[in-house]
Amino acid sequence: MRTCDFADSALIDGAAYDDAARVLCLRFREAGCYYYFDVPTALFDGLCAAASAGRYFNAHIKNRFRCERDPERRGFGPKGRGRPIRRVQPDGRSASSRSGRDDGGRYDRRR
């Protein structure tokens, strides 16, 4: 297993590559880990040497290989903390509406 880190990338935190299985694992800063299958070794080497890991990923890897999200990762977002919890009142309405009023999003134009 070979690895490389991308300290300067805003998109990708790190990568690992299994030469025998031809599987590339990318650890995205916001979305977690994804596995890309049947990736040639040259693409991993190119990614590690690229001036911009994000641009290289978008140009050479994204939407070109079968991809699966890491099954061990249960949450979403950085470090798997999960989605923000939406507060709901007992009657089922959100605790706050887009307009900032607590009227369930209803607006009476006669006011």
N, C-alpha and C. Protein backbone atom coordinates (compact mmCIF):
# COMPACT_ATOMS: atom_id res chain seq x y z
N MET A 1 0.85 -1.17 0.00
CA MET A 1 0.00 0.00 0.00
C MET A 1 0.89 1.23 0.00
N ARG A 2 0.66 2.10 -0.98
CA ARG A 2 1.40 3.36 -1.05
C ARG A 2 0.47 4.50 -0.69
N THR A 3 1.02 5.52 -0.06
CA THR A 3 0.20 6.66 0.35
C THR A 3 0.87 7.97 -0.01
N CYS A 4 0.07 9.02 -0.07
CA CYS A 4 0.60 10.39 -0.18
C CYS A 4 -0.43 11.32 0.46
N ASP A 5 0.07 12.41 1.02
CA ASP A 5 -0.77 13.43 1.66
C ASP A 5 -0.73 14.71 0.85
N PHE A 6 -1.81 15.49 0.96
CA PHE A 6 -1.92 16.74 0.20
C PHE A 6 -2.21 17.89 1.16
N ALA A 7 -1.19 18.38 1.79
CA ALA A 7 -1.34 19.44 2.79
C ALA A 7 -1.88 20.73 2.18
N ASP A 8 -1.57 20.99 0.91
CA ASP A 8 -1.97 22.24 0.27
C ASP A 8 -3.28 22.15 -0.48
N SER A 9 -3.89 20.98 -0.55
CA SER A 9 -5.13 20.82 -1.31
C SER A 9 -6.34 21.18 -0.46
N ALA A 10 -7.24 21.95 -1.04
CA ALA A 10 -8.49 22.28 -0.36
C ALA A 10 -9.51 21.16 -0.51
N LEU A 11 -9.31 20.26 -1.47
CA LEU A 11 -10.27 19.20 -1.76
C LEU A 11 -9.89 17.86 -1.15
N ILE A 12 -8.64 17.45 -1.35
CA ILE A 12 -8.21 16.10 -0.98
C ILE A 12 -7.20 16.16 0.16
N ASP A 13 -7.44 15.36 1.18
CA ASP A 13 -6.54 15.31 2.34
C ASP A 13 -5.42 14.30 2.12
N GLY A 14 -5.75 13.14 1.52
CA GLY A 14 -4.73 12.11 1.31
C GLY A 14 -5.21 11.04 0.36
N ALA A 15 -4.27 10.18 -0.04
CA ALA A 15 -4.59 9.08 -0.97
C ALA A 15 -3.79 7.85 -0.58
N ALA A 16 -4.38 6.69 -0.85
CA ALA A 16 -3.70 5.41 -0.66
C ALA A 16 -3.98 4.57 -1.89
N TYR A 17 -3.00 3.77 -2.30
CA TYR A 17 -3.16 2.97 -3.51
C TYR A 17 -2.67 1.56 -3.26
N ASP A 18 -3.50 0.58 -3.62
CA ASP A 18 -3.17 -0.83 -3.53
C ASP A 18 -2.79 -1.30 -4.93
N ASP A 19 -1.49 -1.53 -5.17
CA ASP A 19 -1.01 -1.91 -6.50
C ASP A 19 -1.61 -3.22 -6.98
N ALA A 20 -1.71 -4.21 -6.09
CA ALA A 20 -2.21 -5.53 -6.50
C ALA A 20 -3.69 -5.48 -6.89
N ALA A 21 -4.49 -4.76 -6.14
CA ALA A 21 -5.92 -4.67 -6.41
C ALA A 21 -6.29 -3.54 -7.37
N ARG A 22 -5.34 -2.61 -7.60
CA ARG A 22 -5.58 -1.42 -8.44
C ARG A 22 -6.72 -0.57 -7.89
N VAL A 23 -6.72 -0.42 -6.56
CA VAL A 23 -7.76 0.36 -5.89
C VAL A 23 -7.13 1.62 -5.31
N LEU A 24 -7.74 2.75 -5.62
CA LEU A 24 -7.31 4.04 -5.11
C LEU A 24 -8.31 4.49 -4.05
N CYS A 25 -7.83 4.84 -2.88
CA CYS A 25 -8.68 5.39 -1.83
C CYS A 25 -8.32 6.86 -1.67
N LEU A 26 -9.31 7.72 -1.83
CA LEU A 26 -9.10 9.15 -1.65
C LEU A 26 -9.86 9.61 -0.41
N ARG A 27 -9.19 10.37 0.43
CA ARG A 27 -9.79 10.93 1.63
C ARG A 27 -10.03 12.42 1.37
N PHE A 28 -11.29 12.76 1.12
CA PHE A 28 -11.66 14.15 0.84
C PHE A 28 -11.84 14.90 2.15
N ARG A 29 -11.50 16.16 2.15
CA ARG A 29 -11.57 16.95 3.37
C ARG A 29 -13.00 17.08 3.90
N GLU A 30 -13.97 17.23 3.04
CA GLU A 30 -15.35 17.44 3.47
C GLU A 30 -16.23 16.20 3.34
N ALA A 31 -15.89 15.27 2.45
CA ALA A 31 -16.81 14.17 2.14
C ALA A 31 -16.34 12.81 2.63
N GLY A 32 -15.15 12.70 3.18
CA GLY A 32 -14.69 11.42 3.68
C GLY A 32 -13.98 10.60 2.61
N CYS A 33 -13.93 9.28 2.83
CA CYS A 33 -13.16 8.38 1.96
C CYS A 33 -14.01 7.75 0.87
N TYR A 34 -13.43 7.67 -0.31
CA TYR A 34 -14.05 7.01 -1.45
C TYR A 34 -13.03 6.09 -2.10
N TYR A 35 -13.50 4.93 -2.56
CA TYR A 35 -12.65 3.95 -3.25
C TYR A 35 -12.93 4.01 -4.74
N TYR A 36 -11.87 4.05 -5.53
CA TYR A 36 -11.96 4.04 -7.00
C TYR A 36 -11.29 2.76 -7.48
N PHE A 37 -11.98 2.01 -8.35
CA PHE A 37 -11.54 0.68 -8.75
C PHE A 37 -10.94 0.66 -10.15
N ASP A 38 -9.97 -0.25 -10.35
CA ASP A 38 -9.28 -0.44 -11.64
C ASP A 38 -8.54 0.81 -12.10
N VAL A 39 -7.94 1.50 -11.16
CA VAL A 39 -7.19 2.72 -11.45
C VAL A 39 -5.74 2.33 -11.77
N PRO A 40 -5.22 2.75 -12.92
CA PRO A 40 -3.82 2.44 -13.26
C PRO A 40 -2.84 3.11 -12.29
N THR A 41 -1.73 2.44 -12.07
CA THR A 41 -0.69 2.95 -11.17
C THR A 41 -0.21 4.33 -11.60
N ALA A 42 -0.14 4.56 -12.89
CA ALA A 42 0.34 5.85 -13.40
C ALA A 42 -0.53 7.01 -12.93
N LEU A 43 -1.84 6.78 -12.77
CA LEU A 43 -2.71 7.86 -12.29
C LEU A 43 -2.45 8.19 -10.83
N PHE A 44 -2.18 7.18 -10.01
CA PHE A 44 -1.82 7.45 -8.62
C PHE A 44 -0.52 8.24 -8.56
N ASP A 45 0.46 7.81 -9.33
CA ASP A 45 1.74 8.53 -9.36
C ASP A 45 1.56 9.96 -9.83
N GLY A 46 0.73 10.14 -10.85
CA GLY A 46 0.45 11.49 -11.36
C GLY A 46 -0.26 12.36 -10.34
N LEU A 47 -1.20 11.76 -9.61
CA LEU A 47 -1.92 12.50 -8.58
C LEU A 47 -0.96 12.98 -7.49
N CYS A 48 -0.07 12.09 -7.06
CA CYS A 48 0.88 12.45 -6.00
C CYS A 48 1.87 13.52 -6.44
N ALA A 49 2.18 13.56 -7.73
CA ALA A 49 3.15 14.52 -8.26
C ALA A 49 2.50 15.82 -8.75
N ALA A 50 1.18 15.86 -8.82
CA ALA A 50 0.48 17.01 -9.41
C ALA A 50 0.65 18.27 -8.57
N ALA A 51 0.70 19.40 -9.27
CA ALA A 51 0.77 20.70 -8.59
C ALA A 51 -0.54 20.98 -7.84
N SER A 52 -1.66 20.50 -8.39
CA SER A 52 -2.97 20.65 -7.76
C SER A 52 -3.66 19.29 -7.76
N ALA A 53 -3.79 18.68 -6.58
CA ALA A 53 -4.43 17.37 -6.49
C ALA A 53 -5.89 17.44 -6.92
N GLY A 54 -6.58 18.51 -6.57
CA GLY A 54 -7.99 18.66 -6.93
C GLY A 54 -8.19 18.76 -8.44
N ARG A 55 -7.37 19.55 -9.10
CA ARG A 55 -7.47 19.67 -10.56
C ARG A 55 -7.13 18.35 -11.24
N TYR A 56 -6.12 17.67 -10.75
CA TYR A 56 -5.73 16.38 -11.33
C TYR A 56 -6.88 15.37 -11.15
N PHE A 57 -7.45 15.33 -9.96
CA PHE A 57 -8.57 14.44 -9.69
C PHE A 57 -9.72 14.73 -10.66
N ASN A 58 -10.11 15.99 -10.79
CA ASN A 58 -11.23 16.36 -11.66
C ASN A 58 -10.96 16.02 -13.12
N ALA A 59 -9.72 16.17 -13.57
CA ALA A 59 -9.39 15.94 -14.97
C ALA A 59 -9.16 14.47 -15.32
N HIS A 60 -8.66 13.66 -14.37
CA HIS A 60 -8.22 12.31 -14.72
C HIS A 60 -8.93 11.17 -13.99
N ILE A 61 -9.61 11.46 -12.89
CA ILE A 61 -10.18 10.37 -12.08
C ILE A 61 -11.69 10.49 -11.93
N LYS A 62 -12.17 11.64 -11.59
CA LYS A 62 -13.60 11.84 -11.34
C LYS A 62 -14.44 11.41 -12.53
N ASN A 63 -15.48 10.62 -12.25
CA ASN A 63 -16.43 10.11 -13.25
C ASN A 63 -15.80 9.21 -14.31
N ARG A 64 -14.60 8.70 -14.08
CA ARG A 64 -13.95 7.82 -15.04
C ARG A 64 -13.79 6.39 -14.53
N PHE A 65 -13.98 6.19 -13.21
CA PHE A 65 -13.80 4.88 -12.60
C PHE A 65 -14.97 4.57 -11.68
N ARG A 66 -15.24 3.30 -11.51
CA ARG A 66 -16.27 2.89 -10.56
C ARG A 66 -15.84 3.36 -9.18
N CYS A 67 -16.79 3.86 -8.44
CA CYS A 67 -16.48 4.50 -7.16
C CYS A 67 -17.48 4.07 -6.10
N GLU A 68 -16.98 3.87 -4.88
CA GLU A 68 -17.85 3.56 -3.75
C GLU A 68 -17.39 4.35 -2.53
N ARG A 69 -18.36 4.80 -1.75
CA ARG A 69 -18.05 5.47 -0.50
C ARG A 69 -17.58 4.44 0.51
N ASP A 70 -16.69 4.81 1.39
CA ASP A 70 -16.17 3.91 2.42
C ASP A 70 -17.34 3.39 3.26
N PRO A 71 -17.56 2.06 3.27
CA PRO A 71 -18.70 1.52 4.02
C PRO A 71 -18.56 1.67 5.53
N GLU A 72 -17.35 1.88 6.04
CA GLU A 72 -17.15 2.06 7.47
C GLU A 72 -17.53 3.46 7.94
N ARG A 73 -17.65 4.38 7.00
CA ARG A 73 -17.96 5.77 7.36
C ARG A 73 -19.45 5.93 7.48
N ARG A 74 -19.93 6.21 8.67
CA ARG A 74 -21.35 6.26 8.92
C ARG A 74 -21.93 7.66 8.76
N GLY A 75 -21.18 8.69 9.06
CA GLY A 75 -21.71 10.05 9.01
C GLY A 75 -21.34 10.76 7.73
N PHE A 76 -21.73 11.99 7.64
CA PHE A 76 -21.41 12.84 6.51
C PHE A 76 -20.60 14.02 7.01
N GLY A 77 -19.86 14.62 6.12
CA GLY A 77 -19.11 15.80 6.48
C GLY A 77 -17.79 15.48 7.14
N PRO A 78 -17.06 16.49 7.54
CA PRO A 78 -15.73 16.28 8.12
C PRO A 78 -15.76 15.38 9.35
N LYS A 79 -14.89 14.42 9.37
CA LYS A 79 -14.71 13.52 10.50
C LYS A 79 -15.97 12.75 10.87
N GLY A 80 -16.91 12.63 9.95
CA GLY A 80 -18.10 11.81 10.17
C GLY A 80 -18.98 12.28 11.31
N ARG A 81 -19.04 13.56 11.55
CA ARG A 81 -19.83 14.07 12.67
C ARG A 81 -21.32 14.00 12.41
N GLY A 82 -21.71 13.73 11.20
CA GLY A 82 -23.14 13.63 10.88
C GLY A 82 -23.70 14.93 10.35
N ARG A 83 -24.90 14.83 9.86
CA ARG A 83 -25.58 16.01 9.34
C ARG A 83 -26.07 16.87 10.49
N PRO A 84 -26.24 18.18 10.24
CA PRO A 84 -26.79 19.02 11.29
C PRO A 84 -28.19 18.54 11.65
N ILE A 85 -28.53 18.63 12.91
CA ILE A 85 -29.85 18.20 13.36
C ILE A 85 -30.83 19.33 13.15
N ARG A 86 -31.94 19.02 12.48
CA ARG A 86 -32.99 20.01 12.26
C ARG A 86 -33.93 19.94 13.44
N ARG A 87 -34.09 21.04 14.12
CA ARG A 87 -34.97 21.06 15.28
C ARG A 87 -36.42 21.12 14.80
N VAL A 88 -37.26 20.26 15.36
CA VAL A 88 -38.67 20.18 14.96
C VAL A 88 -39.54 20.37 16.18
N GLN A 89 -40.58 21.18 16.02
CA GLN A 89 -41.53 21.41 17.10
C GLN A 89 -42.47 20.21 17.19
N PRO A 90 -43.21 20.06 18.31
CA PRO A 90 -44.12 18.93 18.46
C PRO A 90 -45.15 18.81 17.35
N ASP A 91 -45.55 19.93 16.72
CA ASP A 91 -46.55 19.85 15.65
C ASP A 91 -45.92 19.52 14.30
N GLY A 92 -44.59 19.27 14.26
CA GLY A 92 -43.92 18.86 13.02
C GLY A 92 -43.28 19.99 12.24
N ARG A 93 -43.50 21.25 12.65
CA ARG A 93 -42.90 22.38 11.94
C ARG A 93 -41.45 22.55 12.36
N SER A 94 -40.64 23.10 11.48
CA SER A 94 -39.26 23.43 11.84
C SER A 94 -39.28 24.50 12.90
N ALA A 95 -38.26 24.50 13.75
CA ALA A 95 -38.18 25.49 14.82
C ALA A 95 -37.96 26.89 14.27
N SER A 96 -37.37 27.00 13.09
CA SER A 96 -37.20 28.32 12.48
C SER A 96 -37.47 28.21 10.99
N SER A 97 -38.11 29.20 10.44
CA SER A 97 -38.39 29.21 9.01
C SER A 97 -37.32 30.03 8.29
N ARG A 98 -37.34 30.01 6.98
CA ARG A 98 -36.33 30.76 6.21
C ARG A 98 -36.40 32.25 6.48
N SER A 99 -37.60 32.74 6.71
CA SER A 99 -37.75 34.18 6.91
C SER A 99 -37.39 34.61 8.32
N GLY A 100 -37.14 33.66 9.22
CA GLY A 100 -36.81 34.01 10.59
C GLY A 100 -38.04 34.02 11.48
N ARG A 101 -39.24 33.99 10.87
CA ARG A 101 -40.46 33.94 11.67
C ARG A 101 -40.74 32.50 12.05
N ASP A 102 -41.40 32.31 13.15
CA ASP A 102 -41.75 30.96 13.58
C ASP A 102 -43.21 30.68 13.23
N ASP A 103 -43.55 30.85 11.94
CA ASP A 103 -44.92 30.62 11.51
C ASP A 103 -45.01 29.44 10.54
N GLY A 104 -43.99 28.59 10.55
CA GLY A 104 -44.01 27.42 9.68
C GLY A 104 -43.84 27.76 8.22
N GLY A 105 -43.38 28.96 7.92
CA GLY A 105 -43.16 29.35 6.54
C GLY A 105 -44.38 29.99 5.89
N ARG A 106 -45.49 30.08 6.64
CA ARG A 106 -46.70 30.70 6.09
C ARG A 106 -46.55 32.21 6.15
N TYR A 107 -47.12 32.88 5.20
CA TYR A 107 -47.05 34.33 5.17
C TYR A 107 -48.41 34.87 4.77
N ASP A 108 -48.95 35.72 5.59
CA ASP A 108 -50.25 36.33 5.32
C ASP A 108 -50.00 37.70 4.72
N ARG A 109 -50.37 37.88 3.45
CA ARG A 109 -50.12 39.15 2.75
C ARG A 109 -51.00 40.28 3.25
N ARG A 110 -52.07 39.95 3.99
CA ARG A 110 -52.98 40.98 4.48
C ARG A 110 -52.41 41.78 5.63
N ARG A 111 -51.29 41.32 6.21
CA ARG A 111 -50.72 42.04 7.37
C ARG A 111 -50.10 43.33 6.96
